[in-house]
Amino acid sequence: MKKTIVIGFDGATPQLIKKWSQQGKLPNFSKILSDGVYGDLETTIPPLTPCAWSSFMTGKNPGKHGIYDFFYLDKQHEIKINTSNSRSAKDIWEILSENDFKCFVFNVPFTYPPKKIKGLMVTDFTTPSTDSEFTYPVSLRETILKKYTGFAFSEKSKYAENYKARRDFRNDVFNLADLRFKIANDLIKENECDFYMVTFMIADHIQHWYWKFMDREHPDYIKDDNFEKTIENAYIKLDSFLGELMKTFSGHNIFIMSDHGSGPYYQDVTLNNWLMDQGYLCMKKNQSAFKNVLGRIGVNKLITFGLNIGLWKMVSKSSKLKSFIQKKMMRTYQDIDWEKTKAFSFGYYGPIFLNKEAVPSREKQSALKNELKEKLFEIREPRTQKQLINKVWFKEQLYEGQKTDILPDIVTDIGDFKYASSSSFPFSSPQLFSNPKTFKTGDHSMHGIFMAYGPDIKKGREIKNARIYDVAPTILRMFDIKAPEDMDGKILKDIFNENANFSNTKKKPAGNYTSQEERKDLTDRDEEKVKDRLKDLGYF
């Protein structure tokens, strides 16, 4: 039976791949464009890593698998981290394992803690540290740490607005990508499996911070020969990884995909300020002098200053100092007057939740949602004075399933997702608009890539209307496994040639591989480590 590998290039963008392929800079992508299947892959709304990758691996929408953002608010309005344990639907490698197919899963976002599968798993950047149990089987962890010195889940340096920081962060991203490829490639060659998946983060991380050096239309464009081709070089690096894997899997089926595309990022939006100005959100009046002063200055300015001088690295080493700054100096969700608040924003792209305790009746909730929707359309983009928010959805328009109660009531598209909010700091700026806290000039867009190549795949065919939900049922079809009926995706039948043969050679299912009781979740200390990691990546 033929093997299948899925190569995940987080944040890879169709327009850039086509552009540089046409210029002869991406020979391996070019080969797939001419001899395989390609097309845009519509991602989830919003185009955010946690819900996008979770929707890929389950074939289901966030209302069914339960992961929407990196963070969620618990009943005490404390910010908590989502993990693989938060996902309430089976991942594709669990289904494959149950049908006796051996799987290799490496660095796929939102796989920590690792699941017990038939095969091997190495988790992703949401892993707290190398001290964690980040592999299945557990023994694989020691093998990796002994053999590959320097293995890490994130870059050592942080981006800041000076030449040294820009250079060091760029080099760290590329070096870590090389190391991860070597580890993945070695493990692939050492372990015979039926299904493989490996993900690389280099394009996503580079595009977040170096977009303004490439995009001459960006309002913050900087002409700098040292960094102008940083994003281009990231894609050239991915092309080299692709070429090596194409050699390894010659004669087998290859999928290439990204969880979303990328584009420019302009400003942070503190939507809770707008809700407060409109009278929907109220603050407690007995706030400390620290919080009042910092509220007028803006947490965003403190964060930007701290990153530029390396202050955040020092703060993160002291849990007591960090806790004091976050809880005693900065306004949090604990400072909201929940008895008077009707609506609040929580999440990266500014989704809005209704406070059901303050607005208990469904009739009033419906009226409030419609009222908010009308007013959101009135917000103007600060530079052009054009309408800022392009689309507003109620959650029932986007999601369905048993987990919809934890999802936001209103989802917004703020300027084609070129603007975003803060989850960790609900009042990070005293103004509605502010400069990005972490210097980001690139972010996510709604269409990633989908490519396929191999003996069962058509040649030179562009597909239309593929969605991220469609990949899982399509893979299951290649293993002759019937997709669960509650999957939202469809099989991409048009990618297969007439001679494709997917007979299942397995005689009987192998049983349930995942034991929820055996899987460890994050401790409080681990949660803080992951929060720091996400802040490093700009997901405040």
Protein backbone atom coordinates (compact mmCIF):
# COMPACT_ATOMS: atom_id res chain seq x y z
CA MET A 1 0.00 0.00 0.00
CA LYS A 2 1.24 3.50 -0.82
CA LYS A 3 2.25 5.83 2.00
CA THR A 4 0.82 9.32 2.46
CA ILE A 5 2.65 12.34 3.85
CA VAL A 6 1.13 15.70 4.72
CA ILE A 7 3.65 18.57 4.80
CA GLY A 8 2.35 21.53 6.77
CA PHE A 9 3.85 24.92 5.96
CA ASP A 10 2.22 27.15 8.57
CA GLY A 11 1.20 30.50 7.07
CA ALA A 12 2.32 29.67 3.52
CA THR A 13 0.59 31.99 1.05
CA PRO A 14 -0.59 31.01 -2.47
CA GLN A 15 0.24 34.34 -4.10
CA LEU A 16 3.85 34.29 -2.91
CA ILE A 17 4.40 30.68 -3.96
CA LYS A 18 3.03 31.35 -7.45
CA LYS A 19 5.06 34.56 -7.80
CA TRP A 20 8.40 33.06 -6.81
CA SER A 21 7.71 29.81 -8.66
CA GLN A 22 7.16 31.76 -11.86
CA GLN A 23 10.48 33.52 -11.25
CA GLY A 24 12.25 30.15 -11.00
CA LYS A 25 13.11 30.52 -7.30
CA LEU A 26 10.99 27.60 -6.03
CA PRO A 27 11.74 24.63 -8.34
CA ASN A 28 10.01 22.01 -6.19
CA PHE A 29 6.83 24.02 -5.73
CA SER A 30 6.97 24.66 -9.50
CA LYS A 31 7.07 20.91 -10.18
CA ILE A 32 3.93 20.38 -8.15
CA LEU A 33 2.18 23.30 -9.85
CA SER A 34 2.87 21.67 -13.22
CA ASP A 35 2.65 17.98 -12.35
CA GLY A 36 0.19 17.90 -9.46
CA VAL A 37 -2.94 19.52 -8.05
CA TYR A 38 -3.00 22.98 -6.50
CA GLY A 39 -5.46 25.54 -5.24
CA ASP A 40 -6.33 27.94 -2.44
CA LEU A 41 -7.42 26.40 0.86
CA GLU A 42 -10.08 28.40 2.65
CA THR A 43 -9.45 28.36 6.36
CA THR A 44 -11.62 28.88 9.42
CA ILE A 45 -13.18 32.13 10.54
CA PRO A 46 -11.17 33.58 12.12
CA PRO A 47 -7.92 32.53 10.36
CA LEU A 48 -6.20 31.66 13.61
CA THR A 49 -3.76 28.81 14.26
CA PRO A 50 -5.59 26.95 17.09
CA CYS A 51 -8.99 26.64 15.42
CA ALA A 52 -7.51 26.21 11.93
CA TRP A 53 -5.16 23.31 12.69
CA SER A 54 -7.76 21.72 14.99
CA SER A 55 -10.32 21.93 12.17
CA PHE A 56 -7.84 20.34 9.77
CA MET A 57 -7.02 17.40 12.01
CA THR A 58 -10.66 16.69 12.96
CA GLY A 59 -12.48 17.74 9.78
CA LYS A 60 -14.88 19.64 12.04
CA ASN A 61 -15.75 23.24 12.88
CA PRO A 62 -14.88 24.83 16.26
CA GLY A 63 -18.45 24.26 17.45
CA LYS A 64 -17.72 20.53 17.40
CA HIS A 65 -14.05 20.33 18.44
CA GLY A 66 -14.18 23.20 20.97
CA ILE A 67 -10.97 25.12 20.19
CA TYR A 68 -11.34 28.71 18.99
CA ASP A 69 -8.31 30.64 20.24
CA PHE A 70 -5.05 30.11 22.10
CA PHE A 71 -6.79 31.21 25.30
CA TYR A 72 -10.17 30.95 26.97
CA LEU A 73 -11.77 32.58 30.01
CA ASP A 74 -12.81 30.30 32.84
CA LYS A 75 -15.83 30.92 35.07
CA GLN A 76 -13.74 33.17 37.32
CA HIS A 77 -12.71 35.24 34.29
CA GLU A 78 -9.14 34.00 34.52
CA ILE A 79 -7.24 33.47 31.27
CA LYS A 80 -6.44 29.81 30.56
CA ILE A 81 -4.60 28.01 27.76
CA ASN A 82 -6.19 25.63 25.29
CA THR A 83 -4.30 22.38 24.65
CA SER A 84 -4.88 19.18 22.69
CA ASN A 85 -6.89 18.03 25.70
CA SER A 86 -9.35 20.85 24.96
CA ARG A 87 -10.19 19.31 21.60
CA SER A 88 -13.35 17.20 21.92
CA ALA A 89 -13.13 15.37 18.61
CA LYS A 90 -10.82 12.65 17.35
CA ASP A 91 -7.77 13.70 15.36
CA ILE A 92 -7.12 12.01 12.05
CA TRP A 93 -4.14 10.06 13.43
CA GLU A 94 -6.37 8.66 16.17
CA ILE A 95 -8.80 7.34 13.54
CA LEU A 96 -5.91 5.94 11.48
CA SER A 97 -4.44 4.30 14.59
CA GLU A 98 -7.76 2.70 15.46
CA ASN A 99 -7.74 1.18 11.98
CA ASP A 100 -4.25 -0.26 12.51
CA PHE A 101 -2.31 2.26 10.43
CA LYS A 102 0.99 3.43 11.87
CA CYS A 103 1.41 7.24 12.06
CA PHE A 104 4.25 9.71 12.39
CA VAL A 105 3.22 13.18 13.66
CA PHE A 106 5.87 15.88 14.08
CA ASN A 107 5.50 19.52 15.19
CA VAL A 108 1.83 19.90 14.24
CA PRO A 109 0.39 22.88 16.17
CA PHE A 110 -1.85 22.03 19.09
CA THR A 111 -0.71 18.47 19.62
CA TYR A 112 0.57 19.01 23.19
CA PRO A 113 0.08 17.02 25.36
CA PRO A 114 0.92 14.15 22.98
CA LYS A 115 -1.70 11.52 22.32
CA LYS A 116 -1.18 7.79 22.47
CA ILE A 117 -1.26 6.67 18.84
CA LYS A 118 -0.02 3.71 16.85
CA GLY A 119 3.32 5.21 15.93
CA LEU A 120 5.28 8.30 17.00
CA MET A 121 4.41 11.86 17.94
CA VAL A 122 6.58 14.91 18.69
CA THR A 123 4.60 17.94 19.81
CA ASP A 124 4.70 21.60 18.82
CA PHE A 125 5.50 25.16 19.91
CA THR A 126 2.71 25.14 22.53
CA THR A 127 4.77 22.64 24.54
CA PRO A 128 5.90 24.33 27.79
CA SER A 129 9.55 23.25 27.56
CA THR A 130 11.88 20.36 26.78
CA ASP A 131 11.37 19.29 30.42
CA SER A 132 7.83 18.30 29.46
CA GLU A 133 6.79 14.90 28.13
CA PHE A 134 6.56 16.04 24.52
CA THR A 135 6.73 12.69 22.71
CA TYR A 136 4.88 9.47 22.30
CA PRO A 137 6.27 7.05 23.15
CA VAL A 138 7.82 8.79 26.16
CA SER A 139 11.23 7.18 25.48
CA LEU A 140 11.53 9.14 22.21
CA ARG A 141 12.04 12.33 24.21
CA GLU A 142 15.40 11.22 25.62
CA THR A 143 16.53 10.02 22.20
CA ILE A 144 15.87 13.46 20.68
CA LEU A 145 17.46 15.43 23.53
CA LYS A 146 20.62 13.31 23.55
CA LYS A 147 21.12 13.21 19.81
CA TYR A 148 20.12 16.76 18.83
CA THR A 149 21.68 19.41 21.02
CA GLY A 150 19.93 22.73 20.75
CA PHE A 151 16.47 21.21 20.27
CA ALA A 152 13.89 23.76 21.40
CA PHE A 153 10.27 24.73 20.89
CA SER A 154 10.92 28.40 20.24
CA GLU A 155 13.63 30.79 19.13
CA LYS A 156 16.08 31.99 21.79
CA SER A 157 15.96 35.63 20.70
CA LYS A 158 13.06 38.05 20.34
CA TYR A 159 12.38 40.49 17.53
CA ALA A 160 12.92 44.17 18.36
CA GLU A 161 13.41 47.33 16.31
CA ASN A 162 17.18 47.38 16.05
CA TYR A 163 19.54 45.74 13.59
CA LYS A 164 21.01 43.18 16.00
CA ALA A 165 17.62 41.95 17.22
CA ARG A 166 16.26 41.73 13.68
CA ARG A 167 19.31 39.78 12.52
CA ASP A 168 19.45 37.46 15.56
CA PHE A 169 15.76 36.60 15.45
CA ARG A 170 15.88 35.94 11.70
CA ASN A 171 18.89 33.67 12.11
CA ASP A 172 17.29 31.82 15.03
CA VAL A 173 14.13 31.13 13.00
CA PHE A 174 16.14 29.71 10.08
CA ASN A 175 18.50 27.69 12.28
CA LEU A 176 15.66 26.17 14.29
CA ALA A 177 13.84 25.26 11.07
CA ASP A 178 16.96 23.47 9.80
CA LEU A 179 17.29 21.53 13.05
CA ARG A 180 13.64 20.51 13.07
CA PHE A 181 13.88 19.36 9.47
CA LYS A 182 16.95 17.24 10.27
CA ILE A 183 15.21 15.61 13.24
CA ALA A 184 12.00 14.97 11.29
CA ASN A 185 13.87 13.64 8.27
CA ASP A 186 16.00 11.31 10.39
CA LEU A 187 12.97 9.98 12.27
CA ILE A 188 11.05 9.46 9.03
CA LYS A 189 13.88 7.38 7.58
CA GLU A 190 14.24 5.39 10.80
CA ASN A 191 10.55 4.57 11.28
CA GLU A 192 8.39 2.77 8.75
CA CYS A 193 4.87 4.20 8.90
CA ASP A 194 1.74 4.39 6.75
CA PHE A 195 0.92 8.04 7.38
CA TYR A 196 3.32 10.90 8.05
CA MET A 197 2.77 14.54 8.93
CA VAL A 198 5.40 17.17 9.63
CA THR A 199 4.86 20.92 10.03
CA PHE A 200 7.30 23.83 9.68
CA MET A 201 6.67 27.26 11.23
CA ILE A 202 9.38 29.30 9.47
CA ALA A 203 7.11 31.15 7.00
CA ASP A 204 4.62 32.13 9.69
CA HIS A 205 7.22 33.44 12.12
CA ILE A 206 9.16 35.34 9.47
CA GLN A 207 6.09 36.90 7.85
CA HIS A 208 4.82 38.29 11.15
CA TRP A 209 7.86 40.52 11.59
CA TYR A 210 9.52 41.03 8.22
CA TRP A 211 6.48 41.82 6.09
CA LYS A 212 7.19 45.56 6.13
CA PHE A 213 10.60 44.97 4.54
CA MET A 214 8.98 43.25 1.56
CA ASP A 215 5.68 45.10 1.09
CA ARG A 216 6.21 48.54 -0.44
CA GLU A 217 2.49 49.32 0.05
CA HIS A 218 2.66 48.79 3.79
CA PRO A 219 2.34 52.10 5.71
CA ASP A 220 5.37 51.12 7.79
CA TYR A 221 7.48 49.94 4.86
CA ILE A 222 11.24 50.13 5.43
CA LYS A 223 13.74 49.80 2.62
CA ASP A 224 16.57 47.71 4.02
CA ASP A 225 18.69 45.42 1.84
CA ASN A 226 19.58 43.35 4.91
CA PHE A 227 16.00 42.15 5.39
CA GLU A 228 14.18 42.81 2.11
CA LYS A 229 14.39 39.16 1.00
CA THR A 230 13.93 37.53 4.39
CA ILE A 231 10.44 36.24 3.54
CA GLU A 232 11.53 35.16 0.07
CA ASN A 233 14.44 33.24 1.59
CA ALA A 234 12.05 31.54 4.03
CA TYR A 235 10.06 30.19 1.08
CA ILE A 236 13.27 29.10 -0.64
CA LYS A 237 14.10 27.20 2.54
CA LEU A 238 10.67 25.54 2.53
CA ASP A 239 11.19 24.64 -1.12
CA SER A 240 14.42 22.85 -0.21
CA PHE A 241 12.62 20.90 2.55
CA LEU A 242 9.91 20.00 0.06
CA GLY A 243 12.48 18.76 -2.45
CA GLU A 244 14.12 16.44 0.07
CA LEU A 245 10.78 15.01 1.18
CA MET A 246 9.71 14.51 -2.44
CA LYS A 247 12.81 12.34 -2.90
CA THR A 248 12.12 10.38 0.28
CA PHE A 249 8.48 9.77 -0.69
CA SER A 250 9.02 9.18 -4.40
CA GLY A 251 6.23 6.91 -5.61
CA HIS A 252 3.95 7.86 -2.76
CA ASN A 253 1.23 10.51 -2.28
CA ILE A 254 2.16 13.93 -0.91
CA PHE A 255 -0.12 16.70 0.38
CA ILE A 256 1.20 20.22 1.04
CA MET A 257 -1.00 22.59 3.00
CA SER A 258 -1.06 25.63 5.26
CA ASP A 259 -3.50 26.53 8.00
CA HIS A 260 -3.98 30.04 6.61
CA GLY A 261 -2.29 32.54 4.34
CA SER A 262 -0.52 35.75 5.30
CA GLY A 263 -0.73 39.43 4.56
CA PRO A 264 -0.03 42.84 6.08
CA TYR A 265 -0.84 43.79 9.66
CA TYR A 266 -1.55 47.41 10.49
CA GLN A 267 -2.60 48.12 14.07
CA ASP A 268 -3.87 46.73 17.34
CA VAL A 269 -7.51 47.36 18.16
CA THR A 270 -8.61 47.53 21.81
CA LEU A 271 -12.25 46.75 21.18
CA ASN A 272 -13.09 46.74 24.90
CA ASN A 273 -12.42 50.50 24.86
CA TRP A 274 -15.10 50.91 22.20
CA LEU A 275 -17.54 48.74 24.17
CA MET A 276 -16.84 50.86 27.24
CA ASP A 277 -17.37 54.12 25.31
CA GLN A 278 -20.65 52.77 23.93
CA GLY A 279 -21.85 51.86 27.43
CA TYR A 280 -21.83 48.07 27.03
CA LEU A 281 -18.86 47.44 29.33
CA CYS A 282 -18.35 48.95 32.79
CA MET A 283 -15.30 48.98 35.03
CA LYS A 284 -15.12 48.72 38.80
CA LYS A 285 -14.45 52.09 40.37
CA ASN A 286 -12.07 51.03 43.16
CA GLN A 287 -9.00 50.42 40.97
CA SER A 288 -5.49 50.97 42.30
CA ALA A 289 -3.47 54.07 41.50
CA PHE A 290 -1.07 51.84 39.53
CA LYS A 291 -3.86 50.64 37.26
CA ASN A 292 -5.30 54.08 36.76
CA VAL A 293 -1.92 55.55 35.76
CA LEU A 294 -0.95 52.65 33.50
CA GLY A 295 -4.43 52.66 32.01
CA ARG A 296 -3.89 56.25 30.87
CA ILE A 297 -0.36 55.52 29.55
CA GLY A 298 -1.15 52.19 27.90
CA VAL A 299 0.19 48.70 28.55
CA ASN A 300 1.12 48.50 24.88
CA LYS A 301 3.76 51.19 25.29
CA LEU A 302 5.22 49.40 28.30
CA ILE A 303 5.36 46.11 26.38
CA THR A 304 7.01 47.72 23.35
CA PHE A 305 9.56 49.49 25.52
CA GLY A 306 10.24 46.29 27.47
CA LEU A 307 10.83 44.24 24.34
CA ASN A 308 13.21 46.81 22.89
CA ILE A 309 15.46 46.86 25.96
CA GLY A 310 15.09 43.18 26.87
CA LEU A 311 13.01 43.89 29.97
CA TRP A 312 10.41 41.19 29.30
CA LYS A 313 13.10 38.51 29.30
CA MET A 314 14.14 39.60 32.80
CA VAL A 315 10.54 39.85 34.02
CA SER A 316 9.67 36.35 32.75
CA LYS A 317 12.40 34.86 34.96
CA SER A 318 10.60 36.03 38.10
CA SER A 319 7.10 34.59 38.48
CA LYS A 320 6.39 36.81 41.48
CA LEU A 321 7.39 40.01 39.67
CA LYS A 322 5.43 39.00 36.57
CA SER A 323 2.34 38.19 38.65
CA PHE A 324 2.59 41.53 40.45
CA ILE A 325 2.84 43.48 37.19
CA GLN A 326 -0.02 41.61 35.53
CA LYS A 327 -2.47 41.58 38.42
CA LYS A 328 -1.61 44.71 40.41
CA MET A 329 -0.57 47.16 37.70
CA MET A 330 -2.59 46.18 34.63
CA ARG A 331 -6.34 46.22 34.14
CA THR A 332 -7.64 42.68 33.74
CA TYR A 333 -10.99 40.98 33.32
CA GLN A 334 -11.18 40.96 37.11
CA ASP A 335 -11.53 44.75 37.02
CA ILE A 336 -14.72 44.63 34.94
CA ASP A 337 -17.99 45.28 36.77
CA TRP A 338 -19.78 42.13 35.64
CA GLU A 339 -23.14 43.09 37.13
CA LYS A 340 -23.33 46.14 34.83
CA THR A 341 -21.48 44.80 31.77
CA LYS A 342 -23.59 43.55 28.86
CA ALA A 343 -20.82 42.65 26.41
CA PHE A 344 -17.05 42.28 26.36
CA SER A 345 -14.35 41.32 23.86
CA PHE A 346 -11.96 38.43 24.41
CA GLY A 347 -9.77 36.86 21.75
CA TYR A 348 -7.15 37.65 19.16
CA TYR A 349 -9.41 38.96 16.38
CA GLY A 350 -11.79 40.92 18.60
CA PRO A 351 -14.73 38.54 19.02
CA ILE A 352 -17.48 39.72 21.35
CA PHE A 353 -19.20 37.73 24.09
CA LEU A 354 -22.51 38.67 25.63
CA ASN A 355 -22.64 38.62 29.42
CA LYS A 356 -25.62 36.27 29.73
CA GLU A 357 -26.03 36.96 33.45
CA ALA A 358 -26.61 40.65 32.77
CA VAL A 359 -28.70 39.95 29.64
CA PRO A 360 -30.57 36.74 30.53
CA SER A 361 -33.43 36.66 28.03
CA ARG A 362 -32.89 35.39 24.49
CA GLU A 363 -35.05 38.18 23.11
CA LYS A 364 -32.83 40.84 24.68
CA GLN A 365 -29.69 38.98 23.62
CA SER A 366 -30.88 38.95 20.01
CA ALA A 367 -31.69 42.66 20.15
CA LEU A 368 -28.29 43.42 21.69
CA LYS A 369 -26.43 41.47 18.99
CA ASN A 370 -28.22 43.34 16.22
CA GLU A 371 -27.55 46.65 17.95
CA LEU A 372 -23.85 45.87 18.31
CA LYS A 373 -23.63 44.74 14.71
CA GLU A 374 -25.02 48.03 13.40
CA LYS A 375 -22.67 50.07 15.56
CA LEU A 376 -19.60 48.00 14.68
CA PHE A 377 -20.09 48.87 11.02
CA GLU A 378 -19.82 52.57 11.97
CA ILE A 379 -16.19 52.29 13.18
CA ARG A 380 -13.77 54.00 10.79
CA GLU A 381 -10.25 53.02 9.83
CA PRO A 382 -7.97 55.73 11.27
CA ARG A 383 -5.82 56.32 8.18
CA THR A 384 -8.46 56.35 5.43
CA GLN A 385 -11.67 56.93 7.40
CA LYS A 386 -13.24 54.05 5.48
CA GLN A 387 -15.43 51.45 7.15
CA LEU A 388 -13.13 49.30 9.30
CA ILE A 389 -15.14 46.17 10.02
CA ASN A 390 -16.07 44.42 6.79
CA LYS A 391 -18.14 41.57 8.14
CA VAL A 392 -19.92 40.70 11.35
CA TRP A 393 -21.24 37.20 11.99
CA PHE A 394 -23.37 35.77 14.77
CA LYS A 395 -21.93 32.47 15.94
CA GLU A 396 -24.91 30.47 14.71
CA GLN A 397 -24.04 31.60 11.18
CA LEU A 398 -20.56 30.05 11.40
CA TYR A 399 -20.57 27.20 13.88
CA GLU A 400 -22.65 24.24 14.95
CA GLY A 401 -22.15 21.51 17.49
CA GLN A 402 -22.17 20.74 21.18
CA LYS A 403 -19.39 23.23 21.97
CA THR A 404 -20.99 26.38 20.55
CA ASP A 405 -21.86 27.61 24.05
CA ILE A 406 -18.17 28.41 24.70
CA LEU A 407 -17.72 30.32 21.43
CA PRO A 408 -18.10 34.09 20.99
CA ASP A 409 -21.55 35.45 20.20
CA ILE A 410 -20.23 37.91 17.61
CA VAL A 411 -17.28 37.34 15.28
CA THR A 412 -15.70 40.25 13.42
CA ASP A 413 -13.53 40.69 10.35
CA ILE A 414 -11.56 43.79 11.26
CA GLY A 415 -10.13 45.22 8.05
CA ASP A 416 -9.64 41.87 6.27
CA PHE A 417 -7.96 40.61 9.45
CA LYS A 418 -5.24 43.27 9.16
CA TYR A 419 -6.10 44.40 12.70
CA ALA A 420 -6.28 42.31 15.86
CA SER A 421 -7.02 42.56 19.56
CA SER A 422 -5.30 41.35 22.71
CA SER A 423 -6.44 38.39 24.77
CA SER A 424 -4.00 38.73 27.67
CA PHE A 425 -4.46 42.48 28.10
CA PRO A 426 -8.11 43.50 27.61
CA PHE A 427 -7.24 47.20 28.01
CA SER A 428 -3.76 47.33 26.52
CA SER A 429 -4.18 50.86 25.15
CA PRO A 430 -6.27 53.86 26.24
CA GLN A 431 -7.18 54.39 22.58
CA LEU A 432 -9.16 52.18 20.20
CA PHE A 433 -6.20 51.99 17.78
CA SER A 434 -2.54 51.64 18.73
CA ASN A 435 0.73 50.54 17.19
CA PRO A 436 1.41 46.79 17.37
CA LYS A 437 2.83 45.90 20.77
CA THR A 438 5.33 43.42 19.38
CA PHE A 439 6.28 45.28 16.15
CA LYS A 440 4.33 42.85 13.94
CA THR A 441 3.65 44.03 10.40
CA GLY A 442 2.34 40.75 8.97
CA ASP A 443 -0.54 38.52 10.02
CA HIS A 444 -3.00 35.94 8.75
CA SER A 445 -5.33 35.83 5.76
CA MET A 446 -8.26 33.60 4.82
CA HIS A 447 -6.65 31.42 2.14
CA GLY A 448 -3.73 29.08 2.62
CA ILE A 449 -2.31 26.58 0.15
CA PHE A 450 -3.36 23.08 -0.83
CA MET A 451 -1.23 20.97 -3.15
CA ALA A 452 -1.12 17.28 -3.93
CA TYR A 453 1.36 15.17 -5.88
CA GLY A 454 1.89 11.50 -6.44
CA PRO A 455 0.83 8.38 -8.31
CA ASP A 456 -2.86 8.76 -7.45
CA ILE A 457 -3.03 12.51 -8.11
CA LYS A 458 -4.03 14.30 -11.31
CA LYS A 459 -1.44 16.43 -13.11
CA GLY A 460 -1.56 20.18 -13.67
CA ARG A 461 -5.03 20.58 -12.20
CA GLU A 462 -6.23 23.62 -10.22
CA ILE A 463 -9.01 22.89 -7.77
CA LYS A 464 -11.56 25.41 -6.54
CA ASN A 465 -13.41 25.92 -3.26
CA ALA A 466 -11.31 23.56 -1.13
CA ARG A 467 -11.70 24.14 2.61
CA ILE A 468 -9.50 23.18 5.51
CA TYR A 469 -12.27 20.87 6.75
CA ASP A 470 -11.94 18.81 3.55
CA VAL A 471 -8.40 17.54 4.07
CA ALA A 472 -9.15 15.00 6.84
CA PRO A 473 -11.95 13.12 5.03
CA THR A 474 -9.84 13.15 1.85
CA ILE A 475 -6.94 11.50 3.69
CA LEU A 476 -9.27 8.92 5.23
CA ARG A 477 -10.53 8.11 1.73
CA MET A 478 -6.95 7.33 0.70
CA PHE A 479 -6.84 4.72 3.46
CA ASP A 480 -10.27 3.36 2.51
CA ILE A 481 -11.73 4.50 5.84
CA LYS A 482 -15.23 5.92 5.99
CA ALA A 483 -15.17 9.42 7.49
CA PRO A 484 -17.30 10.01 10.61
CA GLU A 485 -20.70 11.33 9.62
CA ASP A 486 -20.35 14.47 11.72
CA MET A 487 -17.25 15.68 9.85
CA ASP A 488 -17.96 18.99 8.13
CA GLY A 489 -15.54 18.42 5.27
CA LYS A 490 -16.07 16.69 1.96
CA ILE A 491 -13.76 14.36 0.06
CA LEU A 492 -11.80 16.25 -2.61
CA LYS A 493 -12.59 13.68 -5.28
CA ASP A 494 -11.41 15.90 -8.14
CA ILE A 495 -7.76 15.58 -7.10
CA PHE A 496 -7.57 11.84 -7.82
CA ASN A 497 -6.83 10.32 -11.21
CA GLU A 498 -8.97 7.58 -12.74
CA ASN A 499 -6.52 4.81 -11.79
CA ALA A 500 -6.36 5.70 -8.09
CA ASN A 501 -6.77 2.57 -5.98
CA PHE A 502 -7.31 2.86 -2.23
CA SER A 503 -7.89 -0.68 -1.03
CA ASN A 504 -7.53 -1.16 2.73
CA THR A 505 -5.14 -4.03 3.41
CA LYS A 506 -5.86 -4.00 7.15
CA LYS A 507 -8.04 -6.89 8.25
CA LYS A 508 -9.70 -5.40 11.31
CA PRO A 509 -9.67 -2.28 13.51
CA ALA A 510 -6.89 -2.18 16.08
CA GLY A 511 -8.90 -0.57 18.89
CA ASN A 512 -8.92 2.72 20.75
CA TYR A 513 -5.40 4.04 21.17
CA THR A 514 -6.04 7.23 23.13
CA SER A 515 -6.60 7.05 26.86
CA GLN A 516 -7.65 10.44 28.21
CA GLU A 517 -6.66 9.44 31.74
CA GLU A 518 -3.05 8.84 30.67
CA ARG A 519 -2.61 12.30 29.15
CA LYS A 520 -1.22 15.11 31.26
CA ASP A 521 -2.54 18.64 31.04
CA LEU A 522 -0.76 21.89 31.85
CA THR A 523 0.19 22.79 35.40
CA ASP A 524 -0.09 26.45 36.45
CA ARG A 525 3.65 26.81 35.92
CA ASP A 526 3.42 25.25 32.47
CA GLU A 527 0.55 27.61 31.59
CA GLU A 528 2.76 30.60 32.34
CA LYS A 529 5.53 29.20 30.13
CA VAL A 530 3.14 28.74 27.23
CA LYS A 531 1.64 32.21 27.74
CA ASP A 532 5.16 33.68 27.56
CA ARG A 533 5.80 31.69 24.36
CA LEU A 534 2.63 32.99 22.74
CA LYS A 535 3.51 36.55 23.72
CA ASP A 536 6.90 36.08 22.08
CA LEU A 537 4.99 35.11 18.93
CA GLY A 538 2.81 38.21 19.13
CA TYR A 539 -0.36 36.50 20.40
CA PHE A 540 -0.98 38.70 23.40
